[in-house]
Amino acid sequence: MNNAKVLVPLAQGCEELEAVTIIDLLVRGGIEVVTASLNSSKLITASRGVQLVAQRTLDEVMNDTFSMVVLPGGLPGADYLNEDERII
């Protein structure tokens, strides 16, 4: 049984292909994935206008334990992740 738990923070303007592909591959591998938005809105508009809905906010998961954090790229999403002190 796999107990891995991965956090995928989703920022406005993230690259939708990078976000959705890594989430899909991890879930197919039996890994628990938690998506979290950087702000109070769970609705994320990705770099090409696709709308994604995060499961939680980053503030809601700050005290949770994760095996890994995966940061989707894309601009300006990667810049927002880089600027957020909770990610660092």
N, C-alpha and C. Protein backbone atom coordinates (compact mmCIF):
# COMPACT_ATOMS: atom_id res chain seq x y z
N MET A 1 0.84 -1.19 0.00
CA MET A 1 0.00 0.00 0.00
C MET A 1 0.89 1.25 0.00
N ASN A 2 0.56 2.18 -0.88
CA ASN A 2 1.34 3.40 -1.03
C ASN A 2 0.77 4.48 -0.13
N ASN A 3 1.59 5.04 0.75
CA ASN A 3 1.14 6.10 1.65
C ASN A 3 1.61 7.48 1.21
N ALA A 4 2.16 7.58 0.00
CA ALA A 4 2.66 8.87 -0.47
C ALA A 4 1.51 9.85 -0.65
N LYS A 5 1.79 11.09 -0.29
CA LYS A 5 0.82 12.17 -0.42
C LYS A 5 1.56 13.36 -1.02
N VAL A 6 1.07 13.85 -2.16
CA VAL A 6 1.77 14.90 -2.91
C VAL A 6 0.91 16.15 -2.97
N LEU A 7 1.54 17.28 -2.72
CA LEU A 7 0.87 18.58 -2.84
C LEU A 7 1.23 19.19 -4.19
N VAL A 8 0.19 19.62 -4.92
CA VAL A 8 0.39 20.36 -6.17
C VAL A 8 -0.27 21.72 -6.00
N PRO A 9 0.52 22.75 -5.66
CA PRO A 9 -0.04 24.09 -5.56
C PRO A 9 -0.37 24.62 -6.96
N LEU A 10 -1.53 25.22 -7.09
CA LEU A 10 -1.96 25.77 -8.38
C LEU A 10 -2.05 27.28 -8.28
N ALA A 11 -1.29 27.96 -9.12
CA ALA A 11 -1.29 29.42 -9.14
C ALA A 11 -2.02 29.90 -10.38
N GLN A 12 -2.60 31.08 -10.30
CA GLN A 12 -3.19 31.68 -11.49
C GLN A 12 -2.13 31.74 -12.59
N GLY A 13 -2.50 31.34 -13.80
CA GLY A 13 -1.57 31.40 -14.92
C GLY A 13 -0.63 30.22 -15.02
N CYS A 14 -0.87 29.15 -14.25
CA CYS A 14 -0.02 27.97 -14.37
C CYS A 14 -0.24 27.33 -15.75
N GLU A 15 0.68 26.50 -16.16
CA GLU A 15 0.55 25.78 -17.43
C GLU A 15 -0.38 24.59 -17.19
N GLU A 16 -1.54 24.60 -17.83
CA GLU A 16 -2.53 23.56 -17.57
C GLU A 16 -2.04 22.17 -17.92
N LEU A 17 -1.29 22.03 -18.99
CA LEU A 17 -0.78 20.72 -19.37
C LEU A 17 0.16 20.16 -18.31
N GLU A 18 1.02 20.99 -17.76
CA GLU A 18 1.93 20.53 -16.71
C GLU A 18 1.17 20.16 -15.45
N ALA A 19 0.19 20.95 -15.08
CA ALA A 19 -0.57 20.68 -13.86
C ALA A 19 -1.39 19.39 -14.00
N VAL A 20 -2.17 19.30 -15.05
CA VAL A 20 -3.09 18.17 -15.21
C VAL A 20 -2.33 16.87 -15.48
N THR A 21 -1.27 16.93 -16.26
CA THR A 21 -0.51 15.72 -16.58
C THR A 21 0.13 15.12 -15.33
N ILE A 22 0.78 15.94 -14.52
CA ILE A 22 1.44 15.39 -13.33
C ILE A 22 0.41 14.87 -12.34
N ILE A 23 -0.71 15.56 -12.20
CA ILE A 23 -1.78 15.09 -11.30
C ILE A 23 -2.28 13.74 -11.78
N ASP A 24 -2.56 13.62 -13.08
CA ASP A 24 -3.07 12.37 -13.65
C ASP A 24 -2.09 11.22 -13.46
N LEU A 25 -0.81 11.45 -13.76
CA LEU A 25 0.18 10.38 -13.63
C LEU A 25 0.34 9.91 -12.18
N LEU A 26 0.34 10.84 -11.26
CA LEU A 26 0.47 10.46 -9.85
C LEU A 26 -0.74 9.67 -9.37
N VAL A 27 -1.93 10.12 -9.74
CA VAL A 27 -3.15 9.41 -9.33
C VAL A 27 -3.18 8.02 -9.94
N ARG A 28 -2.81 7.90 -11.20
CA ARG A 28 -2.76 6.57 -11.84
C ARG A 28 -1.77 5.65 -11.13
N GLY A 29 -0.73 6.24 -10.55
CA GLY A 29 0.26 5.46 -9.81
C GLY A 29 -0.15 5.14 -8.39
N GLY A 30 -1.37 5.50 -8.03
CA GLY A 30 -1.87 5.18 -6.70
C GLY A 30 -1.43 6.15 -5.62
N ILE A 31 -0.99 7.33 -6.02
CA ILE A 31 -0.51 8.32 -5.05
C ILE A 31 -1.62 9.32 -4.77
N GLU A 32 -1.80 9.65 -3.51
CA GLU A 32 -2.79 10.66 -3.14
C GLU A 32 -2.26 12.03 -3.53
N VAL A 33 -3.07 12.79 -4.26
CA VAL A 33 -2.69 14.13 -4.70
C VAL A 33 -3.66 15.13 -4.10
N VAL A 34 -3.12 16.20 -3.56
CA VAL A 34 -3.93 17.30 -3.04
C VAL A 34 -3.55 18.54 -3.83
N THR A 35 -4.54 19.15 -4.50
CA THR A 35 -4.29 20.41 -5.19
C THR A 35 -4.73 21.55 -4.28
N ALA A 36 -3.96 22.63 -4.31
CA ALA A 36 -4.26 23.77 -3.43
C ALA A 36 -3.99 25.08 -4.16
N SER A 37 -4.95 25.98 -4.09
CA SER A 37 -4.77 27.31 -4.68
C SER A 37 -3.98 28.19 -3.73
N LEU A 38 -3.30 29.17 -4.29
CA LEU A 38 -2.51 30.07 -3.46
C LEU A 38 -3.36 31.06 -2.69
N ASN A 39 -4.54 31.37 -3.21
CA ASN A 39 -5.39 32.35 -2.53
C ASN A 39 -6.72 31.72 -2.11
N SER A 40 -7.63 32.52 -1.63
CA SER A 40 -8.88 32.00 -1.08
C SER A 40 -9.83 31.45 -2.14
N SER A 41 -9.65 31.84 -3.39
CA SER A 41 -10.47 31.30 -4.47
C SER A 41 -9.87 29.99 -4.96
N LYS A 42 -10.67 28.95 -5.03
CA LYS A 42 -10.17 27.66 -5.51
C LYS A 42 -10.23 27.57 -7.04
N LEU A 43 -10.82 28.56 -7.68
CA LEU A 43 -10.91 28.59 -9.14
C LEU A 43 -9.63 29.21 -9.71
N ILE A 44 -8.94 28.44 -10.55
CA ILE A 44 -7.67 28.86 -11.14
C ILE A 44 -7.88 29.01 -12.64
N THR A 45 -7.47 30.13 -13.19
CA THR A 45 -7.47 30.29 -14.64
C THR A 45 -6.04 30.07 -15.11
N ALA A 46 -5.84 28.99 -15.87
CA ALA A 46 -4.50 28.61 -16.30
C ALA A 46 -4.03 29.50 -17.46
N SER A 47 -2.82 29.26 -17.92
CA SER A 47 -2.17 30.16 -18.89
C SER A 47 -2.89 30.26 -20.22
N ARG A 48 -3.64 29.25 -20.60
CA ARG A 48 -4.37 29.27 -21.88
C ARG A 48 -5.87 29.48 -21.68
N GLY A 49 -6.25 29.89 -20.47
CA GLY A 49 -7.65 30.20 -20.20
C GLY A 49 -8.48 29.04 -19.68
N VAL A 50 -7.89 27.85 -19.58
CA VAL A 50 -8.61 26.70 -19.03
C VAL A 50 -8.80 26.93 -17.54
N GLN A 51 -9.99 26.65 -17.04
CA GLN A 51 -10.25 26.84 -15.62
C GLN A 51 -10.11 25.52 -14.87
N LEU A 52 -9.35 25.56 -13.80
CA LEU A 52 -9.12 24.41 -12.94
C LEU A 52 -9.67 24.75 -11.56
N VAL A 53 -10.12 23.74 -10.83
CA VAL A 53 -10.63 23.96 -9.48
C VAL A 53 -9.76 23.18 -8.50
N ALA A 54 -9.10 23.89 -7.62
CA ALA A 54 -8.27 23.25 -6.59
C ALA A 54 -9.17 22.62 -5.53
N GLN A 55 -8.67 21.56 -4.91
CA GLN A 55 -9.43 20.90 -3.84
C GLN A 55 -9.46 21.73 -2.57
N ARG A 56 -8.35 22.39 -2.28
CA ARG A 56 -8.21 23.14 -1.03
C ARG A 56 -7.44 24.42 -1.31
N THR A 57 -7.30 25.25 -0.29
CA THR A 57 -6.41 26.41 -0.40
C THR A 57 -5.09 26.06 0.27
N LEU A 58 -4.06 26.79 -0.06
CA LEU A 58 -2.75 26.53 0.54
C LEU A 58 -2.79 26.73 2.05
N ASP A 59 -3.52 27.74 2.50
CA ASP A 59 -3.64 27.96 3.94
C ASP A 59 -4.27 26.76 4.65
N GLU A 60 -5.21 26.09 3.99
CA GLU A 60 -5.88 24.94 4.59
C GLU A 60 -4.95 23.74 4.76
N VAL A 61 -3.90 23.65 3.96
CA VAL A 61 -3.02 22.47 4.01
C VAL A 61 -1.65 22.75 4.62
N MET A 62 -1.45 23.95 5.12
CA MET A 62 -0.13 24.33 5.62
C MET A 62 0.39 23.43 6.74
N ASN A 63 -0.48 22.84 7.52
CA ASN A 63 -0.05 21.99 8.62
C ASN A 63 -0.08 20.50 8.28
N ASP A 64 -0.44 20.18 7.04
CA ASP A 64 -0.45 18.79 6.59
C ASP A 64 0.98 18.35 6.25
N THR A 65 1.20 17.05 6.23
CA THR A 65 2.49 16.49 5.87
C THR A 65 2.40 15.88 4.48
N PHE A 66 3.37 16.21 3.63
CA PHE A 66 3.40 15.71 2.26
C PHE A 66 4.73 15.03 2.00
N SER A 67 4.70 13.99 1.17
CA SER A 67 5.92 13.30 0.76
C SER A 67 6.70 14.13 -0.25
N MET A 68 5.96 14.94 -1.02
CA MET A 68 6.58 15.71 -2.09
C MET A 68 5.67 16.87 -2.46
N VAL A 69 6.28 17.93 -2.97
CA VAL A 69 5.53 19.06 -3.52
C VAL A 69 5.96 19.19 -4.98
N VAL A 70 4.98 19.22 -5.89
CA VAL A 70 5.26 19.37 -7.31
C VAL A 70 4.74 20.73 -7.75
N LEU A 71 5.62 21.53 -8.35
CA LEU A 71 5.27 22.89 -8.77
C LEU A 71 5.10 22.94 -10.29
N PRO A 72 3.86 23.07 -10.78
CA PRO A 72 3.67 23.21 -12.22
C PRO A 72 4.27 24.53 -12.71
N GLY A 73 4.82 24.52 -13.90
CA GLY A 73 5.40 25.73 -14.47
C GLY A 73 4.37 26.57 -15.20
N GLY A 74 4.85 27.35 -16.13
CA GLY A 74 3.99 28.25 -16.89
C GLY A 74 4.03 29.64 -16.30
N LEU A 75 3.88 30.62 -17.18
CA LEU A 75 3.91 32.00 -16.71
C LEU A 75 2.55 32.65 -16.92
N PRO A 76 2.13 33.40 -15.95
CA PRO A 76 2.86 33.93 -14.80
C PRO A 76 2.80 33.04 -13.56
N GLY A 77 2.19 31.86 -13.66
CA GLY A 77 2.01 31.00 -12.48
C GLY A 77 3.29 30.69 -11.73
N ALA A 78 4.36 30.38 -12.47
CA ALA A 78 5.63 30.06 -11.82
C ALA A 78 6.17 31.25 -11.03
N ASP A 79 5.94 32.45 -11.56
CA ASP A 79 6.37 33.65 -10.83
C ASP A 79 5.60 33.79 -9.52
N TYR A 80 4.30 33.51 -9.56
CA TYR A 80 3.48 33.61 -8.34
C TYR A 80 3.93 32.57 -7.30
N LEU A 81 4.26 31.36 -7.75
CA LEU A 81 4.77 30.34 -6.83
C LEU A 81 6.10 30.79 -6.23
N ASN A 82 6.96 31.36 -7.05
CA ASN A 82 8.27 31.82 -6.59
C ASN A 82 8.15 32.94 -5.56
N GLU A 83 7.16 33.79 -5.72
CA GLU A 83 6.99 34.94 -4.83
C GLU A 83 6.27 34.61 -3.52
N ASP A 84 5.64 33.44 -3.45
CA ASP A 84 4.85 33.08 -2.28
C ASP A 84 5.74 32.43 -1.22
N GLU A 85 5.91 33.10 -0.09
CA GLU A 85 6.80 32.61 0.97
C GLU A 85 6.35 31.29 1.57
N ARG A 86 5.08 30.95 1.45
CA ARG A 86 4.60 29.66 1.97
C ARG A 86 5.14 28.50 1.15
N ILE A 87 5.47 28.74 -0.09
CA ILE A 87 6.02 27.70 -0.95
C ILE A 87 7.50 27.49 -0.64
N ILE A 88 8.21 28.55 -0.37
CA ILE A 88 9.64 28.47 -0.11
C ILE A 88 9.83 27.87 1.25
